[in-house]
Amino acid sequence: MNPLDLPFHAEEMLAGLKPWIETESPTFDAAAVNRMMDVVQHELAALGGKVERIPGRMGLGDSVRATMPHARAGEGGILLLGHLDTVHPLGTIDVLPFKREGEICYGPGLMDMKGGNYVYLDALRKLFAAGIETPLPVTVLFTPDEEIGTPSTRELIEAEAKRHKYILVPEPARPDGGAVIGRYAIARFNLTARGKPSHAGWQLAEGRSAIAAMAKKVAEIEGMTTEDCTFSVGVFNSGRWVNCVSSVCDAEVLSMAKTQELLDEGIAKMMAFNSSDGDVTLDVTRGVTRPVWEPDQAGTMEMFGLAKEIAGEIGFELSAASAGGGSDGNFTGFLGLPTLDSIGVRGKDLHTLNEHIYVDSLVERARLAAALYCRLGA
């Protein structure tokens, strides 16, 4: 049976996705992430997979790994790699409920990346139901911390990926629907400004505001942004009492660079903000870093060539490019492992309260997934 002829149905997939989306899983809430892992662990077991629950580290959630049924199960073959954490805090479902409006469906984490993960599992479900065995065995690995740079599971991902010939990462498709065959580097930084406290009404002049100092640095840091190396202050925390001059202010910065050289230059610029002199000091430390995944690697391009051919048979044009944003594909691509990224659902406005997918991309991407499973290694 041609895998492109498998009976995929958008309504059926949306019904299956509903509990995934309504099981909210913000990264920093390990219990919430683990509830999502419970959901997917059950589904993988129902597919006949040999499922392992890998305990979380660093106060973060667990991971789930499943060896899917195959005559050579356990051997290296295809790795389906995805994350189940989201940026949306608990309660987002109340303001961004899972709902369909025409050809659009909304929900927190639906585009990034529960939709893609579900579609690629549904492709396996339909293949198994049809009695189709893929040329290579498939392993599934879902992790809990991609949205914060994968601090607790990078080693797990790299060790598992090295066992396999091909890595599929169903992150959301690029704006034009295309795949990703390389990614820019991502570096994170933690900043702490320390000033001098005082009563804001009685002795204002005696205080030295950490907030004011950090605010000036925000403009300076973001002002370093170029087209090829960007800087963004995404977290800014300080103060508990309006009548106190704040003595401590914390911030987090994300930098994206298109090349390793630019990343190194950006890191040097950020570290140069360290200052221990004056009334307000600033401490800058490196956070997690995603390495540059150089595009046009032979194995990856062969995978893309196959995916492009399949897409043509389905009836759409699949492009490919290097991209920003960062994903766990950075790690596998950096290792030189054949990796095809952003082959998940099409949509818009991920990480916002308007996050949504295009419903017609569910069946489209499920067919792509099924054919990739059946032709990789054939």
Protein backbone atom coordinates (compact mmCIF):
# COMPACT_ATOMS: atom_id res chain seq x y z
CA MET A 1 0.00 0.00 0.00
CA ASN A 2 1.26 3.45 -0.91
CA PRO A 3 1.71 5.36 2.37
CA LEU A 4 0.33 8.45 0.64
CA ASP A 5 -3.00 6.63 0.39
CA LEU A 6 -3.36 5.99 4.11
CA PRO A 7 -6.69 7.22 5.56
CA PHE A 8 -5.69 10.44 7.31
CA HIS A 9 -8.54 12.65 8.54
CA ALA A 10 -8.13 16.18 9.86
CA GLU A 11 -11.14 15.96 12.16
CA GLU A 12 -9.83 12.75 13.69
CA MET A 13 -6.42 14.35 14.26
CA LEU A 14 -7.96 17.45 15.82
CA ALA A 15 -9.92 15.26 18.22
CA GLY A 16 -6.71 13.48 19.16
CA LEU A 17 -4.83 16.76 19.57
CA LYS A 18 -7.41 18.30 21.91
CA PRO A 19 -6.20 16.54 25.11
CA TRP A 20 -2.58 17.32 24.17
CA ILE A 21 -3.32 21.03 23.97
CA GLU A 22 -5.57 21.12 27.02
CA THR A 23 -2.83 19.39 29.04
CA GLU A 24 -0.81 22.57 29.46
CA SER A 25 2.92 22.03 29.88
CA PRO A 26 4.98 25.17 30.57
CA THR A 27 8.66 24.33 30.86
CA PHE A 28 9.21 25.60 34.39
CA ASP A 29 6.28 23.60 35.82
CA ALA A 30 7.74 20.09 35.98
CA ALA A 31 4.51 18.57 37.28
CA ALA A 32 2.57 20.03 34.35
CA VAL A 33 5.12 18.83 31.83
CA ASN A 34 4.99 15.38 33.39
CA ARG A 35 1.21 15.29 33.00
CA MET A 36 1.81 15.82 29.28
CA MET A 37 4.42 13.08 29.32
CA ASP A 38 1.79 10.81 30.90
CA VAL A 39 -0.53 11.48 27.97
CA VAL A 40 2.06 10.71 25.32
CA GLN A 41 3.48 7.74 27.24
CA HIS A 42 0.03 6.14 27.17
CA GLU A 43 -0.34 6.76 23.43
CA LEU A 44 3.09 5.34 22.63
CA ALA A 45 2.33 2.23 24.71
CA ALA A 46 -0.99 1.85 22.88
CA LEU A 47 0.97 1.84 19.62
CA GLY A 48 2.95 -1.12 20.88
CA GLY A 49 6.09 0.81 21.69
CA LYS A 50 8.55 -0.20 24.38
CA VAL A 51 8.34 2.95 26.47
CA GLU A 52 10.90 4.29 28.94
CA ARG A 53 10.33 7.17 31.33
CA ILE A 54 13.59 9.04 31.93
CA PRO A 55 13.52 11.07 35.17
CA GLY A 56 13.98 14.82 34.87
CA ARG A 57 16.97 16.79 36.10
CA MET A 58 17.56 20.35 37.30
CA GLY A 59 14.01 20.59 38.60
CA LEU A 60 12.60 20.07 35.10
CA GLY A 61 10.25 17.44 33.71
CA ASP A 62 10.83 13.87 32.55
CA SER A 63 11.60 12.62 29.05
CA VAL A 64 9.88 9.76 27.25
CA ARG A 65 11.66 7.42 24.85
CA ALA A 66 9.85 4.71 22.89
CA THR A 67 11.23 1.95 20.70
CA MET A 68 8.49 1.29 18.17
CA PRO A 69 7.53 -2.22 16.97
CA HIS A 70 9.83 -3.54 14.24
CA ALA A 71 11.61 -6.76 13.32
CA ARG A 72 14.89 -4.98 14.17
CA ALA A 73 13.56 -2.90 17.05
CA GLY A 74 16.34 -1.37 19.10
CA GLU A 75 18.74 -0.97 16.21
CA GLY A 76 19.63 2.49 15.02
CA GLY A 77 17.30 3.78 12.34
CA ILE A 78 15.03 6.82 12.38
CA LEU A 79 14.79 9.09 15.44
CA LEU A 80 11.66 11.20 15.84
CA LEU A 81 12.81 14.05 18.09
CA GLY A 82 10.44 16.58 19.66
CA HIS A 83 9.73 18.59 22.79
CA LEU A 84 6.51 18.74 24.77
CA ASP A 85 7.16 21.87 26.85
CA THR A 86 5.66 25.21 25.84
CA VAL A 87 6.21 28.87 26.66
CA HIS A 88 2.59 29.33 27.77
CA PRO A 89 1.92 29.46 31.54
CA LEU A 90 -0.86 27.47 33.16
CA GLY A 91 -4.22 29.12 32.52
CA THR A 92 -3.40 30.19 28.97
CA ILE A 93 -5.98 27.67 27.77
CA ASP A 94 -8.63 29.93 29.31
CA VAL A 95 -7.69 32.88 27.08
CA LEU A 96 -6.45 30.84 24.10
CA PRO A 97 -8.79 27.85 24.09
CA PHE A 98 -8.41 24.96 21.71
CA LYS A 99 -10.89 25.81 18.99
CA ARG A 100 -11.38 25.54 15.26
CA GLU A 101 -12.57 28.46 13.18
CA GLY A 102 -12.87 27.41 9.56
CA GLU A 103 -9.47 26.30 8.31
CA ILE A 104 -7.62 27.60 11.37
CA CYS A 105 -7.24 25.92 14.76
CA TYR A 106 -6.00 27.73 17.87
CA GLY A 107 -4.33 26.59 21.07
CA PRO A 108 -1.24 27.09 23.27
CA GLY A 109 1.63 24.99 21.97
CA LEU A 110 -0.40 23.73 19.01
CA MET A 111 2.06 25.09 16.47
CA ASP A 112 5.19 24.81 18.62
CA MET A 113 5.29 21.90 18.59
CA LYS A 114 2.56 19.57 19.80
CA GLY A 115 0.86 19.65 16.40
CA GLY A 116 3.91 18.33 14.58
CA ASN A 117 4.66 15.72 17.23
CA TYR A 118 1.10 14.42 17.09
CA VAL A 119 1.03 14.28 13.29
CA TYR A 120 4.21 12.21 13.14
CA LEU A 121 2.83 9.80 15.73
CA ASP A 122 -0.43 9.55 13.82
CA ALA A 123 1.54 8.60 10.72
CA LEU A 124 3.05 5.70 12.68
CA ARG A 125 -0.40 4.77 13.96
CA LYS A 126 -1.79 4.52 10.43
CA LEU A 127 1.24 2.60 9.15
CA PHE A 128 0.94 0.03 11.94
CA ALA A 129 -2.82 -0.31 11.40
CA ALA A 130 -2.20 -1.00 7.71
CA GLY A 131 0.41 -3.62 8.55
CA ILE A 132 3.22 -1.66 6.88
CA GLU A 133 6.70 -2.17 8.30
CA THR A 134 9.16 0.64 7.67
CA PRO A 135 12.58 -0.24 6.22
CA LEU A 136 14.27 1.10 9.35
CA PRO A 137 13.12 0.88 12.98
CA VAL A 138 11.78 4.07 14.55
CA THR A 139 12.58 5.48 17.98
CA VAL A 140 10.67 8.40 19.50
CA LEU A 141 12.21 10.81 22.01
CA PHE A 142 10.17 13.58 23.60
CA THR A 143 11.91 16.04 25.94
CA PRO A 144 10.77 18.66 28.50
CA ASP A 145 13.02 21.71 28.16
CA GLU A 146 13.62 22.87 24.58
CA GLU A 147 12.01 26.26 25.18
CA ILE A 148 14.74 27.21 27.65
CA GLY A 149 17.64 25.95 25.55
CA THR A 150 17.59 22.24 26.52
CA PRO A 151 19.86 22.54 29.58
CA SER A 152 18.90 19.17 31.09
CA THR A 153 18.51 16.91 28.05
CA ARG A 154 21.16 17.94 25.51
CA GLU A 155 23.42 15.02 26.47
CA LEU A 156 20.49 12.60 26.25
CA ILE A 157 19.52 13.91 22.81
CA GLU A 158 23.04 13.73 21.46
CA ALA A 159 23.66 10.23 22.79
CA GLU A 160 20.39 8.93 21.35
CA ALA A 161 20.83 10.71 18.01
CA LYS A 162 24.27 9.18 17.47
CA ARG A 163 22.64 5.74 17.39
CA HIS A 164 20.50 6.63 14.36
CA LYS A 165 20.90 7.18 10.64
CA TYR A 166 18.25 9.87 10.28
CA ILE A 167 16.71 12.45 12.61
CA LEU A 168 13.26 13.95 11.99
CA VAL A 169 12.37 17.10 13.96
CA PRO A 170 8.71 18.10 13.41
CA GLU A 171 9.10 21.68 14.58
CA PRO A 172 6.66 24.04 12.80
CA ALA A 173 7.30 24.76 9.16
CA ARG A 174 8.93 28.00 8.06
CA PRO A 175 6.57 30.85 7.02
CA ASP A 176 6.57 29.64 3.41
CA GLY A 177 5.91 26.05 4.53
CA GLY A 178 9.53 25.06 3.97
CA ALA A 179 11.86 22.81 5.94
CA VAL A 180 15.01 23.76 7.83
CA ILE A 181 18.36 22.27 6.79
CA GLY A 182 20.59 24.42 9.04
CA ARG A 183 20.15 26.73 12.04
CA TYR A 184 21.81 29.83 13.42
CA ALA A 185 23.51 29.76 16.80
CA ILE A 186 21.70 30.85 19.94
CA ALA A 187 23.37 32.12 23.13
CA ARG A 188 21.67 33.11 26.38
CA PHE A 189 23.00 35.41 29.08
CA ASN A 190 21.99 36.15 32.66
CA LEU A 191 22.54 39.70 33.93
CA THR A 192 22.41 41.02 37.49
CA ALA A 193 22.76 44.70 38.36
CA ARG A 194 23.46 45.58 42.00
CA GLY A 195 22.95 49.08 43.37
CA LYS A 196 22.32 50.67 46.74
CA PRO A 197 18.94 50.59 48.50
CA SER A 198 17.26 53.58 50.09
CA HIS A 199 13.79 54.89 50.93
CA ALA A 200 12.45 56.29 47.65
CA GLY A 201 10.50 59.07 49.35
CA TRP A 202 12.71 60.03 52.27
CA GLN A 203 16.29 59.41 51.05
CA LEU A 204 16.05 59.00 47.28
CA ALA A 205 19.36 60.71 46.58
CA GLU A 206 21.22 58.23 48.77
CA GLY A 207 20.09 55.24 46.73
CA ARG A 208 21.50 53.89 43.47
CA SER A 209 18.82 52.20 41.39
CA ALA A 210 19.66 48.84 39.84
CA ILE A 211 16.50 49.18 37.74
CA ALA A 212 17.61 52.48 36.22
CA ALA A 213 21.06 51.11 35.46
CA MET A 214 19.69 47.95 33.87
CA ALA A 215 17.17 49.93 31.81
CA LYS A 216 20.02 51.91 30.26
CA LYS A 217 21.81 48.67 29.45
CA VAL A 218 18.70 47.27 27.73
CA ALA A 219 18.80 50.04 25.14
CA GLU A 220 22.54 49.61 24.71
CA ILE A 221 22.35 45.83 24.33
CA GLU A 222 19.45 45.80 21.88
CA GLY A 223 21.14 48.61 19.98
CA MET A 224 23.92 46.16 19.04
CA THR A 225 21.51 44.20 16.84
CA THR A 226 22.39 43.72 13.18
CA GLU A 227 20.76 41.62 10.49
CA ASP A 228 23.26 38.84 11.12
CA CYS A 229 23.55 38.98 14.93
CA THR A 230 20.62 39.98 17.12
CA PHE A 231 20.26 40.80 20.82
CA SER A 232 16.97 40.75 22.70
CA VAL A 233 16.18 41.34 26.38
CA GLY A 234 13.30 38.98 27.09
CA VAL A 235 13.23 38.88 30.90
CA PHE A 236 13.51 41.85 33.29
CA ASN A 237 12.82 41.36 37.01
CA SER A 238 13.23 43.73 39.94
CA GLY A 239 11.55 45.42 42.83
CA ARG A 240 8.89 44.55 45.37
CA TRP A 241 8.10 47.93 46.93
CA VAL A 242 7.51 51.14 45.02
CA ASN A 243 8.83 53.17 47.95
CA CYS A 244 12.22 51.42 47.86
CA VAL A 245 15.10 52.14 45.50
CA SER A 246 15.79 48.69 44.11
CA SER A 247 19.25 47.34 44.79
CA VAL A 248 19.04 44.26 42.54
CA CYS A 249 17.74 43.81 39.01
CA ASP A 250 17.94 40.63 36.92
CA ALA A 251 17.58 40.29 33.17
CA GLU A 252 18.03 37.62 30.51
CA VAL A 253 19.31 38.22 27.00
CA LEU A 254 19.03 36.06 23.89
CA SER A 255 21.50 36.47 21.04
CA MET A 256 21.17 34.84 17.63
CA ALA A 257 24.04 34.71 15.14
CA LYS A 258 24.24 33.32 11.61
CA THR A 259 27.83 32.09 11.95
CA GLN A 260 30.10 30.86 14.71
CA GLU A 261 32.39 33.85 14.20
CA LEU A 262 29.52 36.27 14.70
CA LEU A 263 28.37 34.34 17.76
CA ASP A 264 31.85 34.55 19.29
CA GLU A 265 31.90 38.31 18.63
CA GLY A 266 28.46 38.69 20.20
CA ILE A 267 29.50 36.72 23.26
CA ALA A 268 32.58 38.92 23.67
CA LYS A 269 30.41 42.06 23.46
CA MET A 270 28.03 40.75 26.09
CA MET A 271 30.76 39.65 28.47
CA ALA A 272 32.35 43.11 28.14
CA PHE A 273 29.36 44.54 30.02
CA ASN A 274 30.70 42.99 33.23
CA SER A 275 31.52 45.80 35.63
CA SER A 276 32.57 45.79 39.27
CA ASP A 277 33.31 49.51 39.54
CA GLY A 278 31.05 52.40 40.47
CA ASP A 279 27.88 52.68 42.49
CA VAL A 280 26.07 50.04 40.42
CA THR A 281 27.83 46.83 39.33
CA LEU A 282 26.78 44.50 36.54
CA ASP A 283 27.45 40.76 36.47
CA VAL A 284 27.04 38.93 33.13
CA THR A 285 27.20 35.13 32.90
CA ARG A 286 26.77 32.77 29.95
CA GLY A 287 23.70 30.59 29.82
CA VAL A 288 23.04 27.66 27.53
CA THR A 289 24.20 27.87 23.91
CA ARG A 290 22.93 26.21 20.76
CA PRO A 291 25.76 25.67 18.27
CA VAL A 292 25.60 26.66 14.63
CA TRP A 293 24.20 23.92 12.43
CA GLU A 294 25.88 24.53 9.10
CA PRO A 295 23.55 24.04 6.10
CA ASP A 296 24.03 21.89 3.00
CA GLN A 297 25.48 18.84 4.76
CA ALA A 298 25.34 15.84 2.42
CA GLY A 299 23.16 13.55 4.55
CA THR A 300 20.69 16.30 5.38
CA MET A 301 20.42 17.40 1.76
CA GLU A 302 19.72 13.82 0.68
CA MET A 303 16.89 13.72 3.22
CA PHE A 304 15.55 17.01 1.94
CA GLY A 305 15.73 15.79 -1.66
CA LEU A 306 13.55 12.82 -0.71
CA ALA A 307 11.13 15.05 1.23
CA LYS A 308 10.88 17.44 -1.71
CA GLU A 309 10.10 14.54 -4.04
CA ILE A 310 7.39 13.26 -1.69
CA ALA A 311 5.91 16.75 -1.33
CA GLY A 312 5.63 16.98 -5.11
CA GLU A 313 3.69 13.72 -5.15
CA ILE A 314 1.37 15.07 -2.44
CA GLY A 315 0.90 18.28 -4.39
CA PHE A 316 2.92 21.02 -2.72
CA GLU A 317 6.32 22.62 -3.19
CA LEU A 318 8.77 22.12 -0.31
CA SER A 319 11.59 24.63 0.03
CA ALA A 320 14.53 24.51 2.43
CA ALA A 321 16.72 27.08 4.14
CA SER A 322 18.84 27.80 7.17
CA ALA A 323 16.84 29.51 9.91
CA GLY A 324 16.94 31.18 13.28
CA GLY A 325 14.79 30.36 16.26
CA GLY A 326 16.84 27.44 17.51
CA SER A 327 15.71 23.86 18.05
CA ASP A 328 17.15 20.57 19.22
CA GLY A 329 18.04 20.07 15.57
CA ASN A 330 20.94 22.45 16.27
CA PHE A 331 22.59 19.73 18.32
CA THR A 332 22.10 16.84 15.90
CA GLY A 333 22.97 18.96 12.87
CA PHE A 334 26.07 20.32 14.62
CA LEU A 335 27.19 16.71 15.12
CA GLY A 336 26.94 16.21 11.36
CA LEU A 337 24.02 13.77 11.66
CA PRO A 338 21.46 13.80 8.80
CA THR A 339 18.68 15.98 10.22
CA LEU A 340 15.51 17.34 8.66
CA ASP A 341 13.89 20.04 10.79
CA SER A 342 10.70 22.12 10.66
CA ILE A 343 8.75 19.47 8.78
CA GLY A 344 5.78 19.83 11.12
CA VAL A 345 2.53 21.71 10.73
CA ARG A 346 2.09 25.06 9.05
CA GLY A 347 0.75 27.94 11.12
CA LYS A 348 1.41 31.39 12.51
CA ASP A 349 2.04 33.41 15.67
CA LEU A 350 3.76 30.75 17.77
CA HIS A 351 4.65 31.90 21.31
CA THR A 352 1.73 34.37 21.31
CA LEU A 353 -1.90 34.39 22.40
CA ASN A 354 -2.87 34.00 18.74
CA GLU A 355 -0.91 30.78 18.13
CA HIS A 356 -2.66 28.72 15.47
CA ILE A 357 -2.20 26.17 12.71
CA TYR A 358 -3.73 25.70 9.29
CA VAL A 359 -5.96 22.64 9.49
CA ASP A 360 -5.15 21.46 5.96
CA SER A 361 -1.50 21.05 6.99
CA LEU A 362 -2.39 18.15 9.31
CA VAL A 363 -3.15 15.65 6.56
CA GLU A 364 -0.48 17.15 4.30
CA ARG A 365 2.26 16.66 6.88
CA ALA A 366 0.97 13.25 8.00
CA ARG A 367 1.32 11.99 4.43
CA LEU A 368 4.83 13.47 4.27
CA ALA A 369 5.69 11.74 7.56
CA ALA A 370 4.33 8.36 6.48
CA ALA A 371 6.26 8.44 3.22
CA LEU A 372 9.47 9.53 4.94
CA TYR A 373 9.19 6.63 7.39
CA CYS A 374 8.69 4.25 4.45
CA ARG A 375 11.39 5.57 2.10
CA LEU A 376 14.25 6.51 4.39
CA GLY A 377 16.65 3.62 4.25
CA ALA A 378 14.68 1.83 1.53
